[in-house]
């Protein structure tokens, strides 16, 4: 329909224009804008036919948009930056995979994991993040560790899942923590929901009581 869907910027690029290929390779840094998502990396392969982008080094995706849902409270719009050493971007499904020291950062939280999947909406804004393997989550008030976690951006909620015999653990400070098979909390609220909870509270004011 004549609308521009994606823009690729690079200093050096090889592109095969044949109908069967329509793919290219960038040696060095490349910058790709696709809807509301900015994608950067080094040594990048891209295909218009497959709607696919792969960055072999220094991957970065930045999402600035957030869909508003009528009647539903949503957190303030903020930028989310996802980085890793390597990434694959499937534009057909709207999924970006980050692996090898994957990180997601915003003003509200920081997530680190072995691997992450970012799911984009139809406008290519970030909808959901799934973090897998040695997951750590921190923000101004809390810190957590688990085997897998999901972050739903519109709702501003994070779900943490334990793996095997290891539960998910969420700490409010250095002395208070809660563990469970599943922990769900909201970034902008104090509410926490826990499946099979185990609460640990350290008594820091120890006194002897005498008759």
N, C-alpha and C. Protein backbone atom coordinates (compact mmCIF):
# COMPACT_ATOMS: atom_id res chain seq x y z
N UNK A 1 0.81 -1.22 0.00
CA UNK A 1 0.00 0.00 0.00
C UNK A 1 0.84 1.26 0.00
N UNK A 2 2.14 1.12 -0.20
CA UNK A 2 3.01 2.28 -0.28
C UNK A 2 3.51 2.80 1.05
N UNK A 3 3.06 2.22 2.18
CA UNK A 3 3.51 2.68 3.49
C UNK A 3 4.87 2.06 3.82
N UNK A 4 5.70 2.84 4.50
CA UNK A 4 7.02 2.36 4.91
C UNK A 4 6.87 1.61 6.22
N UNK A 5 7.27 0.33 6.24
CA UNK A 5 7.17 -0.48 7.45
C UNK A 5 8.48 -0.48 8.24
N UNK A 6 9.60 -0.53 7.52
CA UNK A 6 10.89 -0.61 8.19
C UNK A 6 11.91 0.24 7.46
N UNK A 7 12.87 0.76 8.22
CA UNK A 7 13.98 1.53 7.66
C UNK A 7 15.27 0.96 8.23
N UNK A 8 16.23 0.64 7.35
CA UNK A 8 17.52 0.10 7.77
C UNK A 8 18.60 1.12 7.42
N UNK A 9 19.43 1.45 8.41
CA UNK A 9 20.53 2.38 8.21
C UNK A 9 21.84 1.68 8.54
N UNK A 10 22.81 1.79 7.65
CA UNK A 10 24.11 1.16 7.86
C UNK A 10 25.14 1.86 6.99
N UNK A 11 26.39 1.76 7.38
CA UNK A 11 27.47 2.34 6.59
C UNK A 11 27.80 1.47 5.39
N UNK A 12 27.78 0.15 5.59
CA UNK A 12 28.09 -0.78 4.51
C UNK A 12 27.07 -1.90 4.52
N UNK A 13 26.51 -2.19 3.34
CA UNK A 13 25.46 -3.20 3.27
C UNK A 13 25.50 -3.89 1.90
N UNK A 14 25.34 -5.21 1.90
CA UNK A 14 25.17 -5.99 0.67
C UNK A 14 23.74 -6.47 0.64
N UNK A 15 23.03 -6.21 -0.49
CA UNK A 15 21.61 -6.56 -0.57
C UNK A 15 21.31 -7.27 -1.88
N UNK A 16 20.65 -8.41 -1.80
CA UNK A 16 20.23 -9.17 -2.97
C UNK A 16 18.79 -8.80 -3.28
N UNK A 17 18.54 -8.10 -4.40
CA UNK A 17 17.22 -7.60 -4.74
C UNK A 17 16.34 -8.61 -5.47
N UNK A 18 16.85 -9.77 -5.79
CA UNK A 18 16.05 -10.76 -6.52
C UNK A 18 14.82 -11.14 -5.70
N UNK A 19 13.71 -11.45 -6.40
CA UNK A 19 12.45 -11.74 -5.73
C UNK A 19 12.56 -12.93 -4.78
N UNK A 20 13.38 -13.91 -5.12
CA UNK A 20 13.49 -15.11 -4.29
C UNK A 20 14.30 -14.86 -3.02
N UNK A 21 15.18 -13.84 -3.05
CA UNK A 21 16.06 -13.60 -1.90
C UNK A 21 15.62 -12.39 -1.09
N UNK A 22 15.74 -11.19 -1.69
CA UNK A 22 15.42 -9.94 -1.01
C UNK A 22 15.95 -9.94 0.43
N UNK A 23 17.26 -10.17 0.53
CA UNK A 23 17.90 -10.24 1.84
C UNK A 23 19.23 -9.51 1.78
N UNK A 24 19.75 -9.18 2.95
CA UNK A 24 20.99 -8.43 2.97
C UNK A 24 21.84 -8.74 4.19
N UNK A 25 23.08 -8.23 4.16
CA UNK A 25 24.03 -8.43 5.23
C UNK A 25 24.74 -7.12 5.50
N UNK A 26 24.81 -6.75 6.77
CA UNK A 26 25.51 -5.54 7.18
C UNK A 26 26.73 -5.95 7.99
N UNK A 27 27.90 -5.57 7.51
CA UNK A 27 29.13 -5.80 8.27
C UNK A 27 29.41 -4.56 9.10
N UNK A 28 29.33 -4.71 10.40
CA UNK A 28 29.45 -3.55 11.29
C UNK A 28 28.11 -3.18 11.87
N UNK A 29 27.95 -1.95 12.36
CA UNK A 29 26.72 -1.55 13.02
C UNK A 29 25.57 -1.29 12.05
N UNK A 30 24.35 -1.60 12.50
CA UNK A 30 23.14 -1.34 11.73
C UNK A 30 22.04 -0.86 12.68
N UNK A 31 21.16 -0.05 12.15
CA UNK A 31 20.03 0.48 12.92
C UNK A 31 18.75 0.26 12.12
N UNK A 32 17.78 -0.41 12.73
CA UNK A 32 16.53 -0.73 12.05
C UNK A 32 15.36 -0.19 12.85
N UNK A 33 14.53 0.61 12.21
CA UNK A 33 13.31 1.12 12.83
C UNK A 33 12.12 0.38 12.24
N UNK A 34 11.34 -0.25 13.12
CA UNK A 34 10.17 -1.01 12.68
C UNK A 34 9.01 -0.65 13.59
N UNK A 35 8.11 0.19 13.09
CA UNK A 35 6.99 0.64 13.92
C UNK A 35 7.50 1.44 15.11
N UNK A 36 7.11 1.02 16.32
CA UNK A 36 7.51 1.72 17.54
C UNK A 36 8.74 1.09 18.20
N UNK A 37 9.41 0.20 17.48
CA UNK A 37 10.59 -0.47 18.03
C UNK A 37 11.83 -0.11 17.23
N UNK A 38 12.89 0.28 17.94
CA UNK A 38 14.20 0.55 17.34
C UNK A 38 15.10 -0.64 17.66
N UNK A 39 15.75 -1.19 16.65
CA UNK A 39 16.58 -2.39 16.78
C UNK A 39 17.98 -2.05 16.28
N UNK A 40 18.99 -2.34 17.10
CA UNK A 40 20.38 -2.09 16.70
C UNK A 40 21.22 -3.34 16.93
N UNK A 41 22.34 -3.41 16.20
CA UNK A 41 23.26 -4.52 16.39
C UNK A 41 24.44 -4.41 15.45
N UNK A 42 25.35 -5.33 15.59
CA UNK A 42 26.52 -5.41 14.71
C UNK A 42 26.48 -6.73 13.97
N UNK A 43 26.97 -6.70 12.71
CA UNK A 43 26.98 -7.89 11.86
C UNK A 43 25.58 -8.47 11.77
N UNK A 44 24.75 -7.82 10.98
CA UNK A 44 23.30 -8.08 10.95
C UNK A 44 22.89 -8.69 9.61
N UNK A 45 22.12 -9.77 9.69
CA UNK A 45 21.47 -10.35 8.50
C UNK A 45 19.99 -10.00 8.56
N UNK A 46 19.42 -9.62 7.39
CA UNK A 46 17.99 -9.31 7.36
C UNK A 46 17.38 -9.84 6.06
N UNK A 47 16.10 -10.21 6.13
CA UNK A 47 15.39 -10.76 4.98
C UNK A 47 14.00 -10.14 4.89
N UNK A 48 13.68 -9.53 3.75
CA UNK A 48 12.34 -8.99 3.53
C UNK A 48 11.34 -10.10 3.27
N UNK A 49 11.78 -11.19 2.62
CA UNK A 49 10.89 -12.31 2.32
C UNK A 49 10.47 -13.01 3.62
N UNK A 50 11.45 -13.32 4.47
CA UNK A 50 11.18 -14.02 5.72
C UNK A 50 10.75 -13.08 6.83
N UNK A 51 10.88 -11.76 6.62
CA UNK A 51 10.61 -10.76 7.65
C UNK A 51 11.38 -11.12 8.92
N UNK A 52 12.68 -11.19 8.77
CA UNK A 52 13.53 -11.73 9.83
C UNK A 52 14.81 -10.90 9.92
N UNK A 53 15.26 -10.64 11.14
CA UNK A 53 16.50 -9.92 11.38
C UNK A 53 17.30 -10.68 12.43
N UNK A 54 18.60 -10.85 12.21
CA UNK A 54 19.47 -11.50 13.17
C UNK A 54 20.71 -10.65 13.38
N UNK A 55 20.97 -10.30 14.64
CA UNK A 55 22.18 -9.56 14.99
C UNK A 55 23.12 -10.49 15.74
N UNK A 56 24.35 -10.61 15.28
CA UNK A 56 25.29 -11.54 15.89
C UNK A 56 26.07 -10.93 17.05
N UNK A 57 26.05 -9.60 17.18
CA UNK A 57 26.78 -8.95 18.26
C UNK A 57 26.03 -7.70 18.71
N UNK A 58 26.22 -7.35 19.99
CA UNK A 58 25.78 -6.07 20.56
C UNK A 58 24.33 -5.74 20.22
N UNK A 59 23.42 -6.64 20.56
CA UNK A 59 22.01 -6.43 20.22
C UNK A 59 21.35 -5.45 21.18
N UNK A 60 20.49 -4.60 20.63
CA UNK A 60 19.73 -3.65 21.43
C UNK A 60 18.38 -3.42 20.77
N UNK A 61 17.31 -3.49 21.57
CA UNK A 61 15.98 -3.12 21.10
C UNK A 61 15.40 -2.13 22.08
N UNK A 62 14.80 -1.06 21.56
CA UNK A 62 14.20 -0.02 22.39
C UNK A 62 12.75 0.14 21.98
N UNK A 63 11.84 -0.02 22.94
CA UNK A 63 10.42 0.17 22.68
C UNK A 63 9.94 1.36 23.48
N UNK A 64 9.30 2.32 22.79
CA UNK A 64 8.86 3.55 23.45
C UNK A 64 7.35 3.65 23.57
N UNK A 65 6.59 2.81 22.86
CA UNK A 65 5.13 2.93 22.87
C UNK A 65 4.48 1.99 23.85
N UNK A 66 3.29 2.36 24.34
CA UNK A 66 2.49 1.48 25.16
C UNK A 66 1.02 1.70 24.82
N UNK A 67 0.32 0.64 24.50
CA UNK A 67 -1.08 0.72 24.12
C UNK A 67 -1.94 1.03 25.33
N UNK A 68 -2.88 1.96 25.18
CA UNK A 68 -3.82 2.31 26.23
C UNK A 68 -5.08 1.47 26.09
N UNK A 69 -5.52 0.89 27.20
CA UNK A 69 -6.72 0.08 27.20
C UNK A 69 -7.82 0.82 27.95
N UNK A 70 -8.96 1.02 27.33
CA UNK A 70 -10.05 1.78 27.92
C UNK A 70 -10.53 1.11 29.21
N UNK A 71 -10.60 1.91 30.29
CA UNK A 71 -11.11 1.41 31.55
C UNK A 71 -10.12 0.63 32.39
N UNK A 72 -8.89 0.50 31.91
CA UNK A 72 -7.87 -0.26 32.63
C UNK A 72 -6.74 0.69 33.03
N UNK A 73 -6.38 0.64 34.31
CA UNK A 73 -5.28 1.47 34.80
C UNK A 73 -3.96 0.96 34.25
N UNK A 74 -3.18 1.83 33.61
CA UNK A 74 -1.89 1.43 33.07
C UNK A 74 -0.81 2.34 33.62
N UNK A 75 0.41 1.83 33.84
CA UNK A 75 1.51 2.66 34.32
C UNK A 75 1.88 3.72 33.29
N UNK A 76 2.63 4.70 33.74
CA UNK A 76 3.05 5.77 32.84
C UNK A 76 3.91 5.20 31.72
N UNK A 77 3.80 5.83 30.55
CA UNK A 77 4.59 5.37 29.41
C UNK A 77 6.07 5.59 29.68
N UNK A 78 6.87 4.58 29.44
CA UNK A 78 8.30 4.68 29.64
C UNK A 78 9.04 3.86 28.62
N UNK A 79 10.31 4.17 28.46
CA UNK A 79 11.14 3.47 27.49
C UNK A 79 11.66 2.17 28.09
N UNK A 80 11.69 1.11 27.28
CA UNK A 80 12.24 -0.17 27.68
C UNK A 80 13.40 -0.50 26.75
N UNK A 81 14.55 -0.82 27.32
CA UNK A 81 15.74 -1.16 26.53
C UNK A 81 16.11 -2.61 26.81
N UNK A 82 16.21 -3.41 25.76
CA UNK A 82 16.60 -4.82 25.88
C UNK A 82 17.92 -5.02 25.16
N UNK A 83 18.86 -5.68 25.84
CA UNK A 83 20.18 -5.89 25.25
C UNK A 83 20.63 -7.33 25.46
N UNK A 84 21.53 -7.78 24.61
CA UNK A 84 22.17 -9.09 24.73
C UNK A 84 23.33 -9.11 23.74
N UNK A 85 24.09 -10.19 23.76
CA UNK A 85 25.18 -10.30 22.79
C UNK A 85 24.66 -10.72 21.42
N UNK A 86 23.57 -11.53 21.39
CA UNK A 86 23.04 -12.02 20.13
C UNK A 86 21.51 -11.99 20.18
N UNK A 87 20.87 -11.77 19.02
CA UNK A 87 19.40 -11.73 19.00
C UNK A 87 18.87 -12.16 17.64
N UNK A 88 17.62 -12.63 17.63
CA UNK A 88 16.87 -12.97 16.42
C UNK A 88 15.53 -12.27 16.47
N UNK A 89 15.18 -11.58 15.40
CA UNK A 89 13.94 -10.80 15.34
C UNK A 89 13.08 -11.37 14.22
N UNK A 90 11.99 -12.05 14.58
CA UNK A 90 11.04 -12.58 13.60
C UNK A 90 9.89 -11.59 13.47
N UNK A 91 9.89 -10.81 12.40
CA UNK A 91 8.88 -9.76 12.25
C UNK A 91 7.49 -10.33 11.95
N UNK A 92 7.41 -11.53 11.38
CA UNK A 92 6.11 -12.13 11.08
C UNK A 92 5.34 -12.41 12.37
N UNK A 93 6.01 -12.95 13.36
CA UNK A 93 5.36 -13.28 14.62
C UNK A 93 5.49 -12.16 15.64
N UNK A 94 6.35 -11.18 15.36
CA UNK A 94 6.55 -10.09 16.31
C UNK A 94 7.28 -10.51 17.57
N UNK A 95 8.27 -11.42 17.42
CA UNK A 95 9.01 -11.93 18.57
C UNK A 95 10.51 -11.68 18.36
N UNK A 96 11.16 -11.14 19.40
CA UNK A 96 12.61 -10.97 19.39
C UNK A 96 13.20 -11.86 20.48
N UNK A 97 14.15 -12.69 20.12
CA UNK A 97 14.84 -13.52 21.10
C UNK A 97 16.20 -12.92 21.40
N UNK A 98 16.49 -12.74 22.68
CA UNK A 98 17.79 -12.25 23.13
C UNK A 98 18.46 -13.36 23.93
N UNK A 99 19.70 -13.66 23.61
CA UNK A 99 20.41 -14.68 24.36
C UNK A 99 21.85 -14.27 24.62
N UNK A 100 22.41 -14.88 25.66
CA UNK A 100 23.77 -14.58 26.12
C UNK A 100 23.79 -13.23 26.83
N UNK A 101 23.55 -13.28 28.15
CA UNK A 101 23.54 -12.09 29.00
C UNK A 101 22.44 -11.12 28.57
N UNK A 102 21.21 -11.60 28.60
CA UNK A 102 20.06 -10.77 28.20
C UNK A 102 19.65 -9.85 29.35
N UNK A 103 19.33 -8.60 29.01
CA UNK A 103 18.94 -7.61 30.02
C UNK A 103 17.77 -6.77 29.50
N UNK A 104 16.87 -6.42 30.42
CA UNK A 104 15.78 -5.49 30.11
C UNK A 104 15.79 -4.41 31.19
N UNK A 105 15.77 -3.16 30.75
CA UNK A 105 15.89 -2.05 31.70
C UNK A 105 14.88 -0.96 31.36
N UNK A 106 14.24 -0.43 32.40
CA UNK A 106 13.39 0.75 32.27
C UNK A 106 13.60 1.60 33.52
N UNK A 107 12.83 2.69 33.64
CA UNK A 107 12.93 3.52 34.83
C UNK A 107 12.41 2.78 36.06
N UNK A 108 11.57 1.75 35.86
CA UNK A 108 10.89 1.06 36.97
C UNK A 108 11.55 -0.23 37.41
N UNK A 109 12.35 -0.89 36.59
CA UNK A 109 12.86 -2.21 36.92
C UNK A 109 14.08 -2.56 36.08
N UNK A 110 14.78 -3.62 36.51
CA UNK A 110 15.90 -4.18 35.76
C UNK A 110 15.78 -5.70 35.83
N UNK A 111 15.75 -6.36 34.68
CA UNK A 111 15.65 -7.82 34.60
C UNK A 111 16.88 -8.36 33.88
N UNK A 112 17.43 -9.44 34.43
CA UNK A 112 18.58 -10.08 33.80
C UNK A 112 18.32 -11.58 33.75
N UNK A 113 18.69 -12.24 32.64
CA UNK A 113 18.44 -13.67 32.48
C UNK A 113 19.37 -14.24 31.42
N UNK A 114 19.40 -15.58 31.36
CA UNK A 114 20.19 -16.23 30.31
C UNK A 114 19.60 -15.94 28.94
N UNK A 115 18.25 -15.90 28.87
CA UNK A 115 17.58 -15.72 27.58
C UNK A 115 16.26 -14.97 27.79
N UNK A 116 15.90 -14.14 26.84
CA UNK A 116 14.64 -13.40 26.91
C UNK A 116 13.93 -13.42 25.57
N UNK A 117 12.60 -13.39 25.64
CA UNK A 117 11.76 -13.24 24.45
C UNK A 117 10.91 -11.99 24.63
N UNK A 118 10.97 -11.09 23.66
CA UNK A 118 10.14 -9.89 23.67
C UNK A 118 9.03 -10.05 22.64
N UNK A 119 7.79 -9.90 23.06
CA UNK A 119 6.63 -10.05 22.19
C UNK A 119 6.06 -8.67 21.88
N UNK A 120 5.94 -8.38 20.58
CA UNK A 120 5.46 -7.07 20.15
C UNK A 120 4.00 -7.14 19.70
N UNK A 121 3.31 -6.01 19.80
CA UNK A 121 1.92 -5.93 19.34
C UNK A 121 1.89 -5.66 17.84
N UNK A 122 0.69 -5.48 17.31
CA UNK A 122 0.54 -5.19 15.88
C UNK A 122 1.19 -3.90 15.46
N UNK A 123 1.34 -2.95 16.40
CA UNK A 123 2.02 -1.69 16.09
C UNK A 123 3.52 -1.77 16.41
N UNK A 124 3.98 -2.99 16.75
CA UNK A 124 5.38 -3.24 17.05
C UNK A 124 5.87 -2.51 18.29
N UNK A 125 4.96 -2.29 19.24
CA UNK A 125 5.36 -1.83 20.56
C UNK A 125 5.43 -3.04 21.48
N UNK A 126 6.21 -2.91 22.54
CA UNK A 126 6.44 -4.04 23.44
C UNK A 126 5.18 -4.37 24.23
N UNK A 127 4.80 -5.64 24.21
CA UNK A 127 3.62 -6.10 24.95
C UNK A 127 4.02 -6.96 26.15
N UNK A 128 4.99 -7.86 25.96
CA UNK A 128 5.32 -8.83 27.00
C UNK A 128 6.78 -9.26 26.87
N UNK A 129 7.41 -9.55 28.02
CA UNK A 129 8.76 -10.11 28.07
C UNK A 129 8.70 -11.42 28.84
N UNK A 130 9.34 -12.46 28.32
CA UNK A 130 9.51 -13.72 29.03
C UNK A 130 11.00 -13.94 29.23
N UNK A 131 11.42 -14.04 30.50
CA UNK A 131 12.83 -14.24 30.85
C UNK A 131 13.01 -15.67 31.37
N UNK A 132 14.06 -16.36 30.90
CA UNK A 132 14.26 -17.77 31.24
C UNK A 132 15.71 -18.00 31.66
N UNK A 133 15.89 -18.69 32.79
CA UNK A 133 17.22 -19.11 33.22
C UNK A 133 17.94 -18.10 34.08
N UNK A 134 18.15 -18.41 35.36
CA UNK A 134 18.90 -17.55 36.29
C UNK A 134 18.37 -16.11 36.25
N UNK A 135 17.07 -15.97 36.44
CA UNK A 135 16.43 -14.66 36.33
C UNK A 135 16.61 -13.86 37.62
N UNK A 136 16.99 -12.61 37.48
CA UNK A 136 17.03 -11.69 38.61
C UNK A 136 16.25 -10.43 38.24
N UNK A 137 15.48 -9.94 39.21
CA UNK A 137 14.62 -8.77 38.99
C UNK A 137 14.86 -7.79 40.14
N UNK A 138 15.13 -6.54 39.83
CA UNK A 138 15.33 -5.53 40.87
C UNK A 138 14.64 -4.24 40.46
N UNK A 139 14.13 -3.53 41.47
CA UNK A 139 13.70 -2.16 41.28
C UNK A 139 13.98 -1.40 42.57
N UNK A 140 13.39 -0.24 42.72
CA UNK A 140 13.72 0.61 43.86
C UNK A 140 13.35 -0.05 45.19
N UNK A 141 12.28 -0.87 45.21
CA UNK A 141 11.77 -1.41 46.46
C UNK A 141 11.99 -2.90 46.65
N UNK A 142 12.20 -3.66 45.56
CA UNK A 142 12.22 -5.11 45.66
C UNK A 142 13.37 -5.71 44.86
N UNK A 143 13.68 -6.96 45.21
CA UNK A 143 14.61 -7.76 44.41
C UNK A 143 14.10 -9.19 44.41
N UNK A 144 14.26 -9.88 43.28
CA UNK A 144 13.74 -11.23 43.17
C UNK A 144 14.65 -12.12 42.36
N UNK A 145 14.49 -13.44 42.56
CA UNK A 145 15.24 -14.44 41.80
C UNK A 145 14.32 -15.61 41.52
N UNK A 146 14.41 -16.17 40.31
CA UNK A 146 13.53 -17.27 39.92
C UNK A 146 14.08 -17.96 38.68
N UNK A 147 13.41 -19.05 38.28
CA UNK A 147 13.81 -19.78 37.08
C UNK A 147 13.24 -19.15 35.81
N UNK A 148 12.03 -18.58 35.91
CA UNK A 148 11.39 -17.96 34.76
C UNK A 148 10.49 -16.83 35.24
N UNK A 149 10.35 -15.79 34.42
CA UNK A 149 9.50 -14.66 34.78
C UNK A 149 8.85 -14.10 33.53
N UNK A 150 7.65 -13.55 33.69
CA UNK A 150 6.97 -12.85 32.61
C UNK A 150 6.63 -11.44 33.07
N UNK A 151 6.77 -10.50 32.16
CA UNK A 151 6.43 -9.10 32.44
C UNK A 151 5.43 -8.64 31.40
N UNK A 152 4.24 -8.22 31.85
CA UNK A 152 3.20 -7.68 30.97
C UNK A 152 3.20 -6.17 31.12
N UNK A 153 3.58 -5.53 30.04
CA UNK A 153 3.86 -4.10 30.12
C UNK A 153 2.61 -3.26 30.37
N UNK A 154 1.52 -3.53 29.66
CA UNK A 154 0.32 -2.71 29.83
C UNK A 154 -0.23 -2.77 31.25
N UNK A 155 -0.17 -3.94 31.86
CA UNK A 155 -0.68 -4.11 33.22
C UNK A 155 0.35 -3.74 34.27
N UNK A 156 1.63 -3.63 33.88
CA UNK A 156 2.68 -3.32 34.85
C UNK A 156 2.88 -4.41 35.88
N UNK A 157 2.70 -5.68 35.48
CA UNK A 157 2.79 -6.79 36.42
C UNK A 157 3.88 -7.76 36.04
N UNK A 158 4.49 -8.39 37.05
CA UNK A 158 5.53 -9.38 36.86
C UNK A 158 5.13 -10.65 37.59
N UNK A 159 5.27 -11.79 36.90
CA UNK A 159 5.04 -13.10 37.50
C UNK A 159 6.36 -13.85 37.52
N UNK A 160 6.71 -14.39 38.69
CA UNK A 160 7.94 -15.15 38.86
C UNK A 160 7.59 -16.60 39.13
N UNK A 161 8.33 -17.54 38.51
CA UNK A 161 8.05 -18.96 38.65
C UNK A 161 9.30 -19.68 39.14
N UNK A 162 9.11 -20.59 40.11
CA UNK A 162 10.20 -21.42 40.57
C UNK A 162 10.48 -22.54 39.58
N UNK A 163 11.61 -23.19 39.72
CA UNK A 163 11.96 -24.30 38.84
C UNK A 163 12.46 -25.49 39.63
N UNK A 164 11.88 -26.67 39.39
CA UNK A 164 12.29 -27.85 40.13
C UNK A 164 11.97 -27.68 41.61
N UNK A 165 12.97 -27.92 42.46
CA UNK A 165 12.78 -27.76 43.91
C UNK A 165 13.07 -26.34 44.38
N UNK A 166 13.55 -25.49 43.49
CA UNK A 166 13.90 -24.12 43.86
C UNK A 166 12.70 -23.19 43.66
N UNK A 167 12.22 -22.55 44.73
CA UNK A 167 11.08 -21.64 44.58
C UNK A 167 11.51 -20.28 44.04
N UNK A 168 10.54 -19.49 43.63
CA UNK A 168 10.80 -18.09 43.34
C UNK A 168 10.89 -17.33 44.66
N UNK A 169 11.78 -16.36 44.73
CA UNK A 169 12.01 -15.61 45.98
C UNK A 169 11.93 -14.13 45.69
N UNK A 170 11.16 -13.40 46.52
CA UNK A 170 11.02 -11.96 46.39
C UNK A 170 11.36 -11.33 47.73
N UNK A 171 12.29 -10.38 47.73
CA UNK A 171 12.73 -9.71 48.97
C UNK A 171 12.33 -8.25 48.94
N UNK A 172 11.75 -7.80 50.05
CA UNK A 172 11.40 -6.39 50.19
C UNK A 172 12.61 -5.59 50.66
N UNK A 173 13.41 -6.18 51.52
CA UNK A 173 14.68 -5.60 51.96
C UNK A 173 15.59 -6.76 52.35
N UNK A 174 16.67 -6.46 53.03
CA UNK A 174 17.63 -7.51 53.36
C UNK A 174 17.13 -8.48 54.42
N UNK A 175 16.07 -8.12 55.16
CA UNK A 175 15.62 -8.98 56.26
C UNK A 175 14.31 -9.69 55.99
N UNK A 176 13.49 -9.18 55.08
CA UNK A 176 12.18 -9.77 54.82
C UNK A 176 12.12 -10.33 53.40
N UNK A 177 11.65 -11.57 53.26
CA UNK A 177 11.52 -12.19 51.95
C UNK A 177 10.35 -13.16 51.96
N UNK A 178 9.86 -13.45 50.76
CA UNK A 178 8.79 -14.43 50.61
C UNK A 178 9.13 -15.34 49.44
N UNK A 179 8.87 -16.63 49.61
CA UNK A 179 9.15 -17.61 48.58
C UNK A 179 7.88 -18.36 48.22
N UNK A 180 7.82 -18.87 47.00
CA UNK A 180 6.65 -19.61 46.56
C UNK A 180 6.84 -20.21 45.20
N UNK A 181 5.91 -21.08 44.82
CA UNK A 181 5.98 -21.69 43.49
C UNK A 181 5.74 -20.63 42.42
N UNK A 182 4.85 -19.66 42.71
CA UNK A 182 4.62 -18.55 41.78
C UNK A 182 4.38 -17.28 42.59
N UNK A 183 5.02 -16.20 42.19
CA UNK A 183 4.85 -14.90 42.85
C UNK A 183 4.46 -13.88 41.80
N UNK A 184 3.40 -13.14 42.08
CA UNK A 184 2.92 -12.12 41.16
C UNK A 184 2.86 -10.79 41.89
N UNK A 185 3.44 -9.75 41.27
CA UNK A 185 3.37 -8.42 41.90
C UNK A 185 3.28 -7.35 40.82
N UNK A 186 2.85 -6.16 41.26
CA UNK A 186 2.68 -5.02 40.37
C UNK A 186 3.74 -3.99 40.69
N UNK A 187 4.37 -3.43 39.65
CA UNK A 187 5.50 -2.54 39.82
C UNK A 187 5.12 -1.29 40.60
N UNK A 188 3.95 -0.71 40.33
CA UNK A 188 3.55 0.55 40.95
C UNK A 188 2.70 0.36 42.20
N UNK A 189 2.55 -0.89 42.68
CA UNK A 189 1.70 -1.14 43.84
C UNK A 189 2.41 -2.04 44.84
N UNK A 190 1.88 -2.10 46.07
CA UNK A 190 2.46 -2.93 47.11
C UNK A 190 1.89 -4.35 47.13
N UNK A 191 0.85 -4.59 46.35
CA UNK A 191 0.18 -5.89 46.38
C UNK A 191 1.06 -7.00 45.81
N UNK A 192 1.07 -8.16 46.51
CA UNK A 192 1.81 -9.33 46.07
C UNK A 192 0.92 -10.56 46.24
N UNK A 193 0.85 -11.41 45.21
CA UNK A 193 0.11 -12.66 45.29
C UNK A 193 1.10 -13.82 45.19
N UNK A 194 0.97 -14.81 46.10
CA UNK A 194 1.93 -15.90 46.17
C UNK A 194 1.20 -17.24 46.20
N UNK A 195 1.67 -18.19 45.40
CA UNK A 195 1.17 -19.56 45.41
C UNK A 195 2.11 -20.41 46.26
N UNK A 196 1.57 -21.06 47.32
CA UNK A 196 2.35 -21.85 48.28
C UNK A 196 3.44 -20.99 48.93
N UNK A 197 3.01 -19.98 49.71
CA UNK A 197 3.98 -19.02 50.25
C UNK A 197 4.77 -19.55 51.44
N UNK A 198 5.97 -19.00 51.58
CA UNK A 198 6.82 -19.23 52.74
C UNK A 198 7.46 -17.89 53.08
N UNK A 199 7.05 -17.31 54.20
CA UNK A 199 7.46 -15.96 54.57
C UNK A 199 8.58 -16.00 55.59
N UNK A 200 9.60 -15.20 55.39
CA UNK A 200 10.71 -15.08 56.33
C UNK A 200 10.83 -13.64 56.79
N UNK A 201 10.72 -13.43 58.12
CA UNK A 201 10.84 -12.09 58.70
C UNK A 201 11.89 -12.16 59.80
N UNK A 202 12.92 -11.37 59.69
CA UNK A 202 13.97 -11.35 60.68
C UNK A 202 13.62 -10.38 61.79
N UNK A 203 13.71 -10.82 63.03
CA UNK A 203 13.47 -9.96 64.18
C UNK A 203 14.76 -9.19 64.50
N UNK A 204 14.75 -7.92 64.23
CA UNK A 204 15.97 -7.13 64.43
C UNK A 204 15.97 -6.44 65.80
N UNK A 205 14.84 -6.47 66.51
CA UNK A 205 14.75 -5.85 67.82
C UNK A 205 14.59 -6.95 68.89
N UNK A 206 15.68 -7.65 69.19
CA UNK A 206 15.63 -8.74 70.15
C UNK A 206 15.76 -8.18 71.57
N UNK A 207 14.82 -8.55 72.47
CA UNK A 207 14.86 -8.11 73.85
C UNK A 207 14.57 -9.28 74.78
N UNK A 208 15.17 -9.25 75.93
CA UNK A 208 14.86 -10.24 76.94
C UNK A 208 13.73 -9.72 77.82
N UNK A 209 12.73 -10.53 78.05
CA UNK A 209 11.61 -10.15 78.87
C UNK A 209 11.73 -10.87 80.22
N UNK A 210 11.82 -10.13 81.29
CA UNK A 210 11.96 -10.72 82.62
C UNK A 210 10.69 -10.49 83.42
N UNK A 211 10.35 -11.43 84.32
CA UNK A 211 9.14 -11.27 85.15
C UNK A 211 9.25 -10.05 86.06
